Each structure stands twice: as C-alpha cells, then as structure tokens.
N, C-alpha and C. Protein backbone atom coordinates (compact mmCIF):
# COMPACT_ATOMS: atom_id res chain seq x y z
N UNK A 1 31.74 23.02 121.15
CA UNK A 1 31.36 21.61 121.27
C UNK A 1 32.32 20.80 120.42
N UNK A 2 32.84 19.73 121.00
CA UNK A 2 33.78 18.91 120.22
C UNK A 2 33.03 18.02 119.25
N UNK A 3 33.77 17.21 118.44
CA UNK A 3 33.14 16.37 117.41
C UNK A 3 32.20 15.33 118.01
N UNK A 4 32.59 14.76 119.15
CA UNK A 4 31.75 13.74 119.77
C UNK A 4 30.48 14.37 120.32
N UNK A 5 30.58 15.53 120.88
CA UNK A 5 29.44 16.20 121.48
C UNK A 5 28.31 16.46 120.51
N UNK A 6 28.64 16.63 119.23
CA UNK A 6 27.59 16.91 118.25
C UNK A 6 26.64 15.72 118.08
N UNK A 7 27.12 14.51 118.33
CA UNK A 7 26.30 13.32 118.11
C UNK A 7 25.58 12.86 119.37
N UNK A 8 25.87 13.39 120.50
CA UNK A 8 25.23 13.01 121.74
C UNK A 8 24.08 13.93 122.05
N UNK A 9 23.01 13.35 122.55
CA UNK A 9 21.86 14.14 122.95
C UNK A 9 21.76 14.08 124.46
N UNK A 10 21.16 15.06 125.09
CA UNK A 10 21.00 15.02 126.55
C UNK A 10 20.19 13.79 126.95
N UNK A 11 20.57 13.17 128.06
CA UNK A 11 19.88 11.97 128.54
C UNK A 11 18.45 12.28 128.90
N UNK A 12 17.56 11.32 128.56
CA UNK A 12 16.15 11.49 128.90
C UNK A 12 15.94 11.13 130.36
N UNK A 13 15.08 11.84 130.99
CA UNK A 13 14.78 11.53 132.39
C UNK A 13 13.74 10.42 132.50
N UNK A 14 13.08 10.08 131.37
CA UNK A 14 12.10 9.01 131.38
C UNK A 14 12.73 7.79 130.73
N UNK A 15 13.01 6.73 131.54
CA UNK A 15 13.67 5.53 131.01
C UNK A 15 12.67 4.54 130.45
N UNK A 16 11.45 4.60 130.81
CA UNK A 16 10.45 3.66 130.32
C UNK A 16 9.35 3.53 131.33
N UNK A 17 8.29 2.87 130.93
CA UNK A 17 7.15 2.69 131.82
C UNK A 17 6.99 1.22 132.15
N UNK A 18 6.77 0.94 133.39
CA UNK A 18 6.51 -0.43 133.84
C UNK A 18 5.02 -0.65 133.82
N UNK A 19 4.56 -1.90 133.77
CA UNK A 19 3.11 -2.14 133.81
C UNK A 19 2.51 -1.52 135.05
N UNK A 20 1.32 -0.99 134.87
CA UNK A 20 0.53 -0.39 135.94
C UNK A 20 1.17 0.87 136.51
N UNK A 21 2.12 1.49 135.77
CA UNK A 21 2.69 2.75 136.23
C UNK A 21 1.67 3.85 135.99
N UNK A 22 1.39 4.60 137.00
CA UNK A 22 0.44 5.70 136.84
C UNK A 22 1.21 6.95 136.47
N UNK A 23 0.84 7.51 135.38
CA UNK A 23 1.49 8.73 134.91
C UNK A 23 0.47 9.52 134.11
N UNK A 24 0.72 10.73 133.96
CA UNK A 24 -0.20 11.57 133.16
C UNK A 24 0.39 11.71 131.77
N UNK A 25 -0.44 12.05 130.88
CA UNK A 25 0.02 12.26 129.50
C UNK A 25 -0.59 11.24 128.56
N UNK A 26 -0.68 11.58 127.30
CA UNK A 26 -1.35 10.72 126.31
C UNK A 26 -0.57 9.45 126.00
N UNK A 27 0.75 9.45 126.08
CA UNK A 27 1.54 8.28 125.71
C UNK A 27 1.48 7.17 126.75
N UNK A 28 1.24 7.49 128.01
CA UNK A 28 1.25 6.47 129.07
C UNK A 28 0.20 5.41 128.84
N UNK A 29 -1.02 5.77 128.48
CA UNK A 29 -2.08 4.78 128.28
C UNK A 29 -1.80 3.93 127.06
N UNK A 30 -1.17 4.49 126.03
CA UNK A 30 -0.83 3.71 124.84
C UNK A 30 0.22 2.65 125.16
N UNK A 31 1.17 2.95 126.05
CA UNK A 31 2.20 1.98 126.41
C UNK A 31 1.66 0.91 127.34
N UNK A 32 0.73 1.28 128.22
CA UNK A 32 0.20 0.31 129.17
C UNK A 32 -0.78 -0.65 128.52
N UNK A 33 -1.50 -0.23 127.54
CA UNK A 33 -2.58 -1.03 126.97
C UNK A 33 -2.13 -2.42 126.51
N UNK A 34 -1.01 -2.57 125.76
CA UNK A 34 -0.65 -3.91 125.31
C UNK A 34 -0.23 -4.83 126.45
N UNK A 35 0.16 -4.26 127.59
CA UNK A 35 0.63 -5.08 128.69
C UNK A 35 -0.50 -5.73 129.47
N UNK A 36 -1.68 -5.17 129.36
CA UNK A 36 -2.83 -5.72 130.07
C UNK A 36 -3.51 -6.79 129.23
N UNK A 37 -3.86 -7.94 129.85
CA UNK A 37 -4.58 -9.00 129.12
C UNK A 37 -6.02 -8.58 128.96
N UNK A 38 -6.60 -9.01 127.87
CA UNK A 38 -8.02 -8.72 127.65
C UNK A 38 -8.83 -9.53 128.64
N UNK A 39 -9.91 -9.00 129.14
CA UNK A 39 -10.76 -9.76 130.07
C UNK A 39 -11.22 -11.06 129.42
N UNK A 40 -11.08 -12.18 130.16
CA UNK A 40 -11.50 -13.49 129.67
C UNK A 40 -10.46 -14.20 128.84
N UNK A 41 -9.32 -13.53 128.55
CA UNK A 41 -8.28 -14.19 127.75
C UNK A 41 -7.31 -14.91 128.68
N UNK A 42 -6.54 -15.86 128.12
CA UNK A 42 -5.59 -16.66 128.89
C UNK A 42 -4.16 -16.22 128.63
N UNK A 43 -3.33 -16.46 129.61
CA UNK A 43 -1.91 -16.12 129.53
C UNK A 43 -1.27 -16.87 128.36
N UNK A 44 -0.62 -16.15 127.47
CA UNK A 44 0.07 -16.71 126.30
C UNK A 44 -0.81 -17.62 125.46
N UNK A 45 -2.12 -17.41 125.55
CA UNK A 45 -3.09 -18.20 124.79
C UNK A 45 -2.85 -19.70 125.01
N UNK A 46 -2.46 -20.05 126.25
CA UNK A 46 -2.20 -21.44 126.67
C UNK A 46 -1.10 -22.09 125.84
N UNK A 47 -0.29 -21.29 125.16
CA UNK A 47 0.82 -21.77 124.35
C UNK A 47 0.40 -22.78 123.29
N UNK A 48 -0.86 -22.75 122.93
CA UNK A 48 -1.34 -23.69 121.91
C UNK A 48 -1.42 -25.12 122.40
N UNK A 49 -1.35 -25.31 123.73
CA UNK A 49 -1.34 -26.67 124.30
C UNK A 49 -2.58 -26.95 125.14
N UNK A 50 -3.57 -26.12 125.02
CA UNK A 50 -4.79 -26.31 125.79
C UNK A 50 -5.87 -25.37 125.30
N UNK A 51 -7.00 -25.37 125.99
CA UNK A 51 -8.11 -24.49 125.61
C UNK A 51 -8.34 -23.47 126.72
N UNK A 52 -8.81 -22.30 126.31
CA UNK A 52 -9.01 -21.20 127.24
C UNK A 52 -10.50 -21.03 127.51
N UNK A 53 -10.86 -20.97 128.79
CA UNK A 53 -12.25 -20.75 129.17
C UNK A 53 -12.29 -19.84 130.39
N UNK A 54 -12.94 -18.70 130.25
CA UNK A 54 -13.07 -17.72 131.34
C UNK A 54 -11.73 -17.33 131.94
N UNK A 55 -10.73 -17.18 131.10
CA UNK A 55 -9.42 -16.72 131.56
C UNK A 55 -8.55 -17.80 132.16
N UNK A 56 -8.97 -19.08 132.09
CA UNK A 56 -8.17 -20.17 132.65
C UNK A 56 -7.91 -21.21 131.58
N UNK A 57 -6.67 -21.76 131.57
CA UNK A 57 -6.28 -22.78 130.61
C UNK A 57 -6.67 -24.16 131.11
N UNK A 58 -7.23 -24.95 130.21
CA UNK A 58 -7.41 -26.38 130.46
C UNK A 58 -6.41 -27.06 129.54
N UNK A 59 -5.31 -27.58 130.13
CA UNK A 59 -4.18 -28.08 129.35
C UNK A 59 -4.45 -29.45 128.77
N UNK A 60 -3.85 -29.69 127.61
CA UNK A 60 -3.92 -31.00 126.97
C UNK A 60 -2.99 -31.98 127.65
N UNK A 61 -3.07 -33.24 127.22
CA UNK A 61 -2.23 -34.29 127.80
C UNK A 61 -0.76 -33.93 127.67
N UNK A 62 -0.03 -34.15 128.74
CA UNK A 62 1.41 -33.90 128.74
C UNK A 62 1.83 -32.51 129.15
N UNK A 63 0.85 -31.64 129.50
CA UNK A 63 1.18 -30.25 129.86
C UNK A 63 0.39 -29.80 131.07
N UNK A 64 0.96 -28.88 131.83
CA UNK A 64 0.31 -28.31 133.00
C UNK A 64 0.82 -26.88 133.17
N UNK A 65 0.35 -26.20 134.18
CA UNK A 65 0.78 -24.83 134.44
C UNK A 65 -0.29 -23.83 134.04
N UNK A 66 -0.15 -22.62 134.54
CA UNK A 66 -1.13 -21.57 134.28
C UNK A 66 -1.27 -21.28 132.79
N UNK A 67 -0.16 -21.47 132.03
CA UNK A 67 -0.19 -21.22 130.59
C UNK A 67 0.15 -22.50 129.81
N UNK A 68 -0.05 -23.66 130.43
CA UNK A 68 0.27 -24.95 129.79
C UNK A 68 1.71 -24.94 129.29
N UNK A 69 2.61 -24.42 130.13
CA UNK A 69 4.00 -24.27 129.73
C UNK A 69 4.95 -25.21 130.46
N UNK A 70 4.40 -26.14 131.25
CA UNK A 70 5.24 -27.09 132.00
C UNK A 70 4.92 -28.50 131.52
N UNK A 71 5.93 -29.20 131.01
CA UNK A 71 5.72 -30.56 130.52
C UNK A 71 5.55 -31.51 131.72
N UNK A 72 4.60 -32.43 131.60
CA UNK A 72 4.39 -33.42 132.65
C UNK A 72 5.09 -34.72 132.27
N UNK A 73 5.23 -35.61 133.22
CA UNK A 73 5.86 -36.91 132.99
C UNK A 73 4.80 -38.01 133.02
N UNK A 74 5.04 -39.11 132.30
CA UNK A 74 4.06 -40.20 132.32
C UNK A 74 3.87 -40.76 133.72
N UNK A 75 2.61 -40.90 134.11
CA UNK A 75 2.23 -41.45 135.42
C UNK A 75 2.91 -40.74 136.58
N UNK A 76 3.32 -39.49 136.35
CA UNK A 76 4.01 -38.69 137.37
C UNK A 76 5.18 -39.47 137.96
N UNK A 77 5.86 -40.23 137.09
CA UNK A 77 7.04 -41.03 137.46
C UNK A 77 6.72 -42.07 138.54
N UNK A 78 5.43 -42.38 138.72
CA UNK A 78 5.00 -43.37 139.70
C UNK A 78 5.54 -43.09 141.10
N UNK A 79 5.82 -41.83 141.40
CA UNK A 79 6.37 -41.40 142.69
C UNK A 79 7.71 -42.07 142.99
N UNK A 80 8.43 -42.44 141.92
CA UNK A 80 9.74 -43.11 142.09
C UNK A 80 10.87 -42.29 141.47
N UNK A 81 10.59 -41.03 141.18
CA UNK A 81 11.60 -40.18 140.59
C UNK A 81 11.10 -38.75 140.48
N UNK A 82 11.87 -37.90 139.83
CA UNK A 82 11.52 -36.49 139.66
C UNK A 82 11.28 -36.22 138.19
N UNK A 83 10.32 -35.36 137.92
CA UNK A 83 10.01 -34.97 136.55
C UNK A 83 10.84 -33.75 136.19
N UNK A 84 11.69 -33.87 135.19
CA UNK A 84 12.54 -32.76 134.76
C UNK A 84 12.30 -32.53 133.27
N UNK A 85 11.58 -31.45 132.96
CA UNK A 85 11.32 -31.11 131.57
C UNK A 85 10.55 -32.19 130.82
N UNK A 86 9.67 -32.88 131.50
CA UNK A 86 8.86 -33.91 130.85
C UNK A 86 9.52 -35.28 130.80
N UNK A 87 10.70 -35.41 131.42
CA UNK A 87 11.42 -36.70 131.43
C UNK A 87 11.64 -37.10 132.89
N UNK A 88 11.37 -38.37 133.19
CA UNK A 88 11.55 -38.87 134.56
C UNK A 88 13.03 -39.10 134.87
N UNK A 89 13.50 -38.54 135.97
CA UNK A 89 14.82 -38.85 136.51
C UNK A 89 14.56 -39.80 137.68
N UNK A 90 14.67 -41.11 137.40
CA UNK A 90 14.25 -42.13 138.36
C UNK A 90 15.21 -42.25 139.53
N UNK A 91 14.65 -42.64 140.70
CA UNK A 91 15.48 -43.01 141.83
C UNK A 91 16.32 -44.22 141.43
N UNK A 92 17.43 -44.47 142.14
CA UNK A 92 18.36 -45.52 141.74
C UNK A 92 17.69 -46.89 141.59
N UNK A 93 16.73 -47.20 142.43
CA UNK A 93 16.15 -48.55 142.44
C UNK A 93 15.16 -48.81 141.30
N UNK A 94 14.90 -47.80 140.43
CA UNK A 94 13.91 -47.97 139.37
C UNK A 94 14.43 -47.43 138.05
N UNK A 95 13.81 -47.91 136.96
CA UNK A 95 14.13 -47.39 135.64
C UNK A 95 12.90 -47.48 134.76
N UNK A 96 12.98 -46.91 133.55
CA UNK A 96 11.86 -46.90 132.62
C UNK A 96 11.38 -45.48 132.40
N UNK A 97 10.60 -45.28 131.33
CA UNK A 97 10.10 -43.94 130.99
C UNK A 97 9.29 -43.34 132.11
N UNK A 98 8.60 -44.18 132.89
CA UNK A 98 7.79 -43.70 134.02
C UNK A 98 8.29 -44.29 135.33
N UNK A 99 9.56 -44.70 135.38
CA UNK A 99 10.17 -45.32 136.57
C UNK A 99 9.33 -46.52 137.02
N UNK A 100 8.79 -47.26 136.06
CA UNK A 100 7.86 -48.34 136.38
C UNK A 100 8.53 -49.68 136.66
N UNK A 101 9.80 -49.83 136.33
CA UNK A 101 10.46 -51.12 136.52
C UNK A 101 11.44 -51.09 137.69
N UNK A 102 11.36 -52.07 138.59
CA UNK A 102 12.37 -52.14 139.66
C UNK A 102 13.69 -52.64 139.08
N UNK A 103 14.77 -52.01 139.50
CA UNK A 103 16.10 -52.39 139.03
C UNK A 103 16.60 -53.57 139.86
N UNK A 104 17.32 -54.47 139.23
CA UNK A 104 17.87 -55.63 139.94
C UNK A 104 19.18 -55.25 140.63
N UNK A 105 19.49 -56.00 141.69
CA UNK A 105 20.70 -55.77 142.45
C UNK A 105 21.92 -55.87 141.53
N UNK A 106 22.73 -54.83 141.53
CA UNK A 106 23.95 -54.74 140.72
C UNK A 106 23.71 -55.03 139.25
N UNK A 107 22.48 -54.82 138.78
CA UNK A 107 22.12 -55.09 137.39
C UNK A 107 22.54 -56.49 136.96
N UNK A 108 22.41 -57.42 137.89
CA UNK A 108 22.71 -58.85 137.65
C UNK A 108 24.17 -59.08 137.26
N UNK A 109 25.04 -58.11 137.56
CA UNK A 109 26.48 -58.23 137.33
C UNK A 109 26.83 -58.60 135.89
N UNK A 110 25.93 -58.31 134.96
CA UNK A 110 26.22 -58.62 133.56
C UNK A 110 26.11 -60.10 133.23
N UNK A 111 25.59 -60.91 134.19
CA UNK A 111 25.50 -62.36 133.97
C UNK A 111 24.05 -62.83 133.88
N UNK A 112 23.15 -61.94 133.50
CA UNK A 112 21.75 -62.30 133.39
C UNK A 112 20.94 -61.08 133.03
N UNK A 113 19.62 -61.19 133.14
CA UNK A 113 18.76 -60.04 132.86
C UNK A 113 17.75 -59.88 133.99
N UNK A 114 17.22 -58.68 134.08
CA UNK A 114 16.32 -58.33 135.16
C UNK A 114 14.87 -58.51 134.72
N UNK A 115 14.08 -59.25 135.50
CA UNK A 115 12.67 -59.46 135.21
C UNK A 115 11.87 -59.13 136.47
N UNK A 116 11.19 -57.96 136.43
CA UNK A 116 10.37 -57.50 137.57
C UNK A 116 11.16 -57.46 138.87
N UNK A 117 12.39 -57.01 138.80
CA UNK A 117 13.20 -56.86 140.00
C UNK A 117 13.97 -58.09 140.41
N UNK A 118 13.83 -59.19 139.67
CA UNK A 118 14.55 -60.43 139.98
C UNK A 118 15.47 -60.79 138.83
N UNK A 119 16.69 -61.23 139.17
CA UNK A 119 17.65 -61.62 138.16
C UNK A 119 17.32 -63.01 137.61
N UNK A 120 17.37 -63.13 136.30
CA UNK A 120 17.30 -64.43 135.64
C UNK A 120 18.71 -64.65 135.09
N UNK A 121 19.44 -65.58 135.72
CA UNK A 121 20.87 -65.73 135.45
C UNK A 121 21.14 -66.55 134.18
N UNK A 122 22.24 -66.20 133.52
CA UNK A 122 22.72 -66.99 132.39
C UNK A 122 23.22 -68.33 132.90
N UNK A 123 23.35 -69.28 131.99
CA UNK A 123 23.87 -70.60 132.36
C UNK A 123 25.26 -70.43 132.96
N UNK A 124 25.50 -71.13 134.06
CA UNK A 124 26.79 -71.06 134.73
C UNK A 124 26.84 -70.08 135.88
N UNK A 125 25.73 -69.36 136.13
CA UNK A 125 25.69 -68.39 137.22
C UNK A 125 24.43 -68.57 138.03
N UNK A 126 24.51 -68.20 139.30
CA UNK A 126 23.35 -68.29 140.19
C UNK A 126 23.46 -67.19 141.23
N UNK A 127 22.46 -67.10 142.10
CA UNK A 127 22.44 -66.10 143.16
C UNK A 127 21.49 -64.97 142.84
N UNK A 128 21.11 -64.22 143.87
CA UNK A 128 20.15 -63.13 143.70
C UNK A 128 20.64 -62.08 142.71
N UNK A 129 21.97 -61.92 142.57
CA UNK A 129 22.53 -60.94 141.64
C UNK A 129 23.39 -61.62 140.59
N UNK A 130 23.20 -62.93 140.36
CA UNK A 130 23.97 -63.70 139.38
C UNK A 130 25.47 -63.51 139.62
N UNK A 131 25.85 -63.47 140.90
CA UNK A 131 27.25 -63.22 141.25
C UNK A 131 27.97 -64.47 141.74
N UNK A 132 27.33 -65.61 141.66
CA UNK A 132 27.96 -66.86 142.08
C UNK A 132 28.12 -67.78 140.87
N UNK A 133 29.30 -68.39 140.78
CA UNK A 133 29.56 -69.32 139.68
C UNK A 133 28.91 -70.66 140.01
N UNK A 134 28.24 -71.24 139.05
CA UNK A 134 27.56 -72.51 139.27
C UNK A 134 28.26 -73.61 138.48
N UNK A 135 28.74 -74.61 139.21
CA UNK A 135 29.40 -75.74 138.56
C UNK A 135 28.38 -76.50 137.74
N UNK A 136 28.74 -76.89 136.51
CA UNK A 136 27.81 -77.69 135.72
C UNK A 136 27.61 -79.06 136.37
N UNK A 137 26.40 -79.55 136.33
CA UNK A 137 26.11 -80.84 136.93
C UNK A 137 26.62 -81.95 136.01
N UNK A 138 27.34 -82.94 136.59
CA UNK A 138 27.83 -84.04 135.75
C UNK A 138 26.66 -84.88 135.25
N UNK A 139 26.82 -85.37 134.05
CA UNK A 139 25.79 -86.21 133.46
C UNK A 139 26.12 -87.66 133.75
N UNK A 140 25.21 -88.33 134.44
CA UNK A 140 25.45 -89.74 134.79
C UNK A 140 25.30 -90.60 133.55
N UNK A 141 26.18 -91.60 133.38
CA UNK A 141 26.06 -92.49 132.22
C UNK A 141 24.81 -93.34 132.34
N UNK A 142 24.25 -93.63 131.19
CA UNK A 142 23.06 -94.48 131.18
C UNK A 142 23.46 -95.91 131.51
N UNK A 143 22.72 -96.54 132.37
CA UNK A 143 22.99 -97.92 132.77
C UNK A 143 21.77 -98.76 132.42
N UNK A 144 22.01 -99.80 131.68
CA UNK A 144 20.90 -100.66 131.27
C UNK A 144 20.46 -101.52 132.45
N UNK A 145 19.18 -101.57 132.67
CA UNK A 145 18.67 -102.41 133.75
C UNK A 145 18.33 -103.81 133.27
N UNK A 146 18.04 -103.90 132.01
CA UNK A 146 17.78 -105.22 131.43
C UNK A 146 18.59 -105.36 130.16
N UNK A 147 19.42 -106.37 130.11
CA UNK A 147 20.24 -106.60 128.93
C UNK A 147 19.60 -107.69 128.07
N UNK A 148 19.69 -107.53 126.76
CA UNK A 148 19.08 -108.54 125.90
C UNK A 148 19.80 -109.88 125.97
N UNK A 149 21.09 -109.86 126.31
CA UNK A 149 21.82 -111.14 126.42
C UNK A 149 22.86 -111.00 127.52
N UNK A 150 23.39 -112.17 127.96
CA UNK A 150 24.40 -112.16 129.03
C UNK A 150 25.68 -111.49 128.57
N UNK A 151 26.04 -111.66 127.30
CA UNK A 151 27.26 -111.06 126.76
C UNK A 151 27.14 -109.53 126.76
N UNK A 152 26.00 -109.03 126.31
CA UNK A 152 25.79 -107.59 126.28
C UNK A 152 25.81 -107.01 127.69
N UNK A 153 25.21 -107.73 128.65
CA UNK A 153 25.21 -107.28 130.04
C UNK A 153 26.62 -107.19 130.59
N UNK A 154 27.47 -108.17 130.25
CA UNK A 154 28.86 -108.17 130.72
C UNK A 154 29.61 -106.97 130.15
N UNK A 155 29.40 -106.68 128.87
CA UNK A 155 30.08 -105.54 128.26
C UNK A 155 29.63 -104.23 128.91
N UNK A 156 28.33 -104.10 129.19
CA UNK A 156 27.83 -102.89 129.85
C UNK A 156 28.40 -102.74 131.25
N UNK A 157 28.49 -103.83 131.98
CA UNK A 157 29.03 -103.78 133.34
C UNK A 157 30.49 -103.37 133.31
N UNK A 158 31.26 -103.93 132.37
CA UNK A 158 32.69 -103.58 132.25
C UNK A 158 32.83 -102.10 131.90
N UNK A 159 32.01 -101.63 130.96
CA UNK A 159 32.05 -100.23 130.58
C UNK A 159 31.71 -99.33 131.76
N UNK A 160 30.68 -99.70 132.55
CA UNK A 160 30.29 -98.92 133.72
C UNK A 160 31.40 -98.81 134.73
N UNK A 161 32.16 -99.92 134.94
CA UNK A 161 33.30 -99.89 135.88
C UNK A 161 34.37 -98.93 135.38
N UNK A 162 34.63 -98.93 134.08
CA UNK A 162 35.64 -98.03 133.52
C UNK A 162 35.22 -96.57 133.70
N UNK A 163 33.94 -96.29 133.46
CA UNK A 163 33.44 -94.91 133.61
C UNK A 163 33.59 -94.45 135.05
N UNK A 164 33.25 -95.32 136.01
CA UNK A 164 33.35 -94.93 137.42
C UNK A 164 34.79 -94.75 137.88
N UNK A 165 35.72 -95.41 137.20
CA UNK A 165 37.12 -95.33 137.63
C UNK A 165 37.81 -94.07 137.11
N UNK A 166 37.19 -93.39 136.17
CA UNK A 166 37.80 -92.16 135.64
C UNK A 166 37.65 -91.06 136.69
N UNK A 167 38.77 -90.47 137.05
CA UNK A 167 38.75 -89.38 138.05
C UNK A 167 38.26 -88.09 137.41
N UNK A 168 37.63 -87.21 138.17
CA UNK A 168 37.22 -85.93 137.60
C UNK A 168 38.46 -85.14 137.18
N UNK A 169 38.30 -84.23 136.23
CA UNK A 169 39.46 -83.47 135.75
C UNK A 169 40.06 -82.61 136.87
N UNK A 170 41.34 -82.37 136.76
CA UNK A 170 42.04 -81.55 137.75
C UNK A 170 42.61 -80.33 137.04
N UNK A 171 42.30 -79.14 137.55
CA UNK A 171 42.77 -77.89 136.96
C UNK A 171 43.66 -77.16 137.97
N UNK A 172 44.58 -76.33 137.47
CA UNK A 172 45.46 -75.60 138.39
C UNK A 172 44.66 -74.69 139.33
N UNK A 173 44.95 -74.84 140.61
CA UNK A 173 44.33 -74.02 141.65
C UNK A 173 42.81 -74.08 141.61
N UNK A 174 42.28 -75.14 141.01
CA UNK A 174 40.83 -75.31 140.86
C UNK A 174 40.21 -74.06 140.24
N UNK A 175 40.98 -73.45 139.30
CA UNK A 175 40.56 -72.23 138.57
C UNK A 175 40.26 -71.07 139.52
N UNK A 176 40.73 -71.16 140.78
CA UNK A 176 40.53 -70.09 141.77
C UNK A 176 39.06 -69.73 141.96
N UNK A 177 38.19 -70.69 141.71
CA UNK A 177 36.73 -70.47 141.83
C UNK A 177 36.24 -69.37 140.91
N UNK A 178 36.99 -69.12 139.83
CA UNK A 178 36.61 -68.07 138.88
C UNK A 178 36.44 -68.62 137.48
N UNK A 179 36.26 -69.92 137.40
CA UNK A 179 36.10 -70.52 136.08
C UNK A 179 35.66 -71.97 136.20
N UNK A 180 35.48 -72.59 135.04
CA UNK A 180 35.04 -73.99 134.97
C UNK A 180 36.22 -74.85 134.55
N UNK A 181 36.40 -75.96 135.23
CA UNK A 181 37.47 -76.90 134.92
C UNK A 181 36.98 -77.84 133.83
N UNK A 182 37.64 -77.80 132.67
CA UNK A 182 37.24 -78.63 131.54
C UNK A 182 37.86 -80.03 131.68
N UNK A 183 37.36 -80.96 130.88
CA UNK A 183 37.84 -82.35 130.95
C UNK A 183 39.31 -82.47 130.62
N UNK A 184 39.83 -81.54 129.79
CA UNK A 184 41.25 -81.62 129.43
C UNK A 184 42.15 -80.95 130.46
N UNK A 185 41.57 -80.50 131.60
CA UNK A 185 42.37 -79.91 132.67
C UNK A 185 42.65 -78.42 132.51
N UNK A 186 41.98 -77.77 131.57
CA UNK A 186 42.15 -76.32 131.38
C UNK A 186 40.96 -75.59 131.99
N UNK A 187 41.20 -74.32 132.34
CA UNK A 187 40.14 -73.49 132.93
C UNK A 187 39.46 -72.65 131.86
N UNK A 188 38.15 -72.57 131.93
CA UNK A 188 37.38 -71.61 131.14
C UNK A 188 36.91 -70.57 132.14
N UNK A 189 37.52 -69.38 132.08
CA UNK A 189 37.31 -68.35 133.11
C UNK A 189 36.01 -67.58 132.89
N UNK A 190 35.45 -67.09 133.99
CA UNK A 190 34.27 -66.24 133.91
C UNK A 190 34.72 -64.85 133.43
N UNK A 191 33.74 -64.01 133.12
CA UNK A 191 34.03 -62.67 132.60
C UNK A 191 34.94 -61.91 133.56
N UNK A 192 35.85 -61.13 132.99
CA UNK A 192 36.79 -60.25 133.70
C UNK A 192 37.93 -61.00 134.37
N UNK A 193 38.11 -62.30 134.06
CA UNK A 193 39.25 -63.05 134.61
C UNK A 193 39.94 -63.81 133.48
N UNK A 194 41.24 -63.94 133.62
CA UNK A 194 42.03 -64.66 132.62
C UNK A 194 43.21 -65.33 133.30
N UNK A 195 43.97 -66.09 132.55
CA UNK A 195 45.12 -66.80 133.09
C UNK A 195 44.86 -68.30 133.14
N UNK A 196 45.95 -69.09 133.30
CA UNK A 196 45.80 -70.55 133.33
C UNK A 196 44.91 -71.01 134.46
N UNK A 197 44.91 -70.25 135.58
CA UNK A 197 44.07 -70.60 136.72
C UNK A 197 43.08 -69.48 137.03
N UNK A 198 42.76 -68.68 136.01
CA UNK A 198 41.84 -67.54 136.18
C UNK A 198 42.30 -66.63 137.31
N UNK A 199 43.60 -66.45 137.40
CA UNK A 199 44.17 -65.68 138.51
C UNK A 199 44.29 -64.19 138.23
N UNK A 200 44.14 -63.77 137.00
CA UNK A 200 44.31 -62.36 136.64
C UNK A 200 42.96 -61.70 136.42
N UNK A 201 42.77 -60.57 137.09
CA UNK A 201 41.52 -59.80 136.92
C UNK A 201 41.71 -58.79 135.81
N UNK A 202 40.75 -58.74 134.89
CA UNK A 202 40.79 -57.77 133.79
C UNK A 202 39.70 -56.72 134.03
N UNK A 203 40.02 -55.46 133.80
CA UNK A 203 38.98 -54.43 133.97
C UNK A 203 37.92 -54.53 132.90
C-alpha cells in the first residue's frame, strides 16, 4: 500500500438517509426522528412572525405564507404593481409605498408638481404636462377716471398717451418660443435652452 492509500478508507455504500426512508436497523429511526414535525407544531415555528394553532400559522401584520416567511406589501400595492420582498414595484402610471398616487404625464417636465395625477405648473408654464411656455400678461397702467383738477387730468392724459405709444420689446427671433422677451430686448430662456435667442439646447 502506498503512502496515500494508508489514509483512505473504503467508500461507504450508505450515503445518507432521506426523510421517510424505510430501512432496518437502530440508527435509521434516530436519523428520521428530527426530520418529522411534532403533531400540532408549525413549520419553523412561524418564524417568530405569527402564532401557531393546531399546526397552522396565523401570521402577524406584514407577513404571509405557511411559515409566515413571505413579506406582504401595504394594501397589496392597490393592484397597481407587484409585491417584491415586501416592497411595491409600481406600474409606470403610479408611485408611492403602496402605488397609491397616480403619476403625472412626463412628471410635469420639471416645470411643476404632481397633485393627484394633475400637474400644477410653475409660473411661466401651462398645459396638462407643464410643457407650454406661458407669456406673462402685461399689466395695464392705471387710468384715473376722475381727476381732482383740470391740470392733473391733462398730465394723466399726456402720460397715458406716452404709455400707449411705447412699442412692446423686440427680441431676436422672438426667443424662438423658448424664452421670455424682457423689456430691454434680451431673452430669458426656459430650462435646457441658452443663447441670445434661446437657440441652443442644453442636455
């Protein structure tokens, strides 16, 4: 026998016993006994997440399964998503811990916030998805209907004529409909646009 052979023993013909294996001999019953549940006991003792009664688990809040080993999701995701490990994976149109909130179209394009599925747009934007630029409304000058004196009335009338004669500001390319034309003739561009006429798109 070589040096290695001294340390090797002949292979056993018995590799192990599976549950409910019928075999003769005193060791077989000792091996099978721990594998069998005691009558009236629950699988894995309900993992400490429920109570055991007559061999069945009654799971606590947030758990389900034969051994209370499956995490549940709040409100079962309101049937608007899938429960994965106790967390809702919501369908695209919804969000929230229980998929309870409807998502707004294009998430309001970053120009507003979503309220119950409807966009509430920031100043300067309008549309169902806050994707339209809204021109600010001009403020009409106050005109006195009754003047305390004829001189004051004449001054107000002259001032009113001057105000009406002022032309609206002119901006290059009318800011390409991507910005607001300021009184000094410069463009204030909306998000993601730049340039003198808001002609350049920025990522």
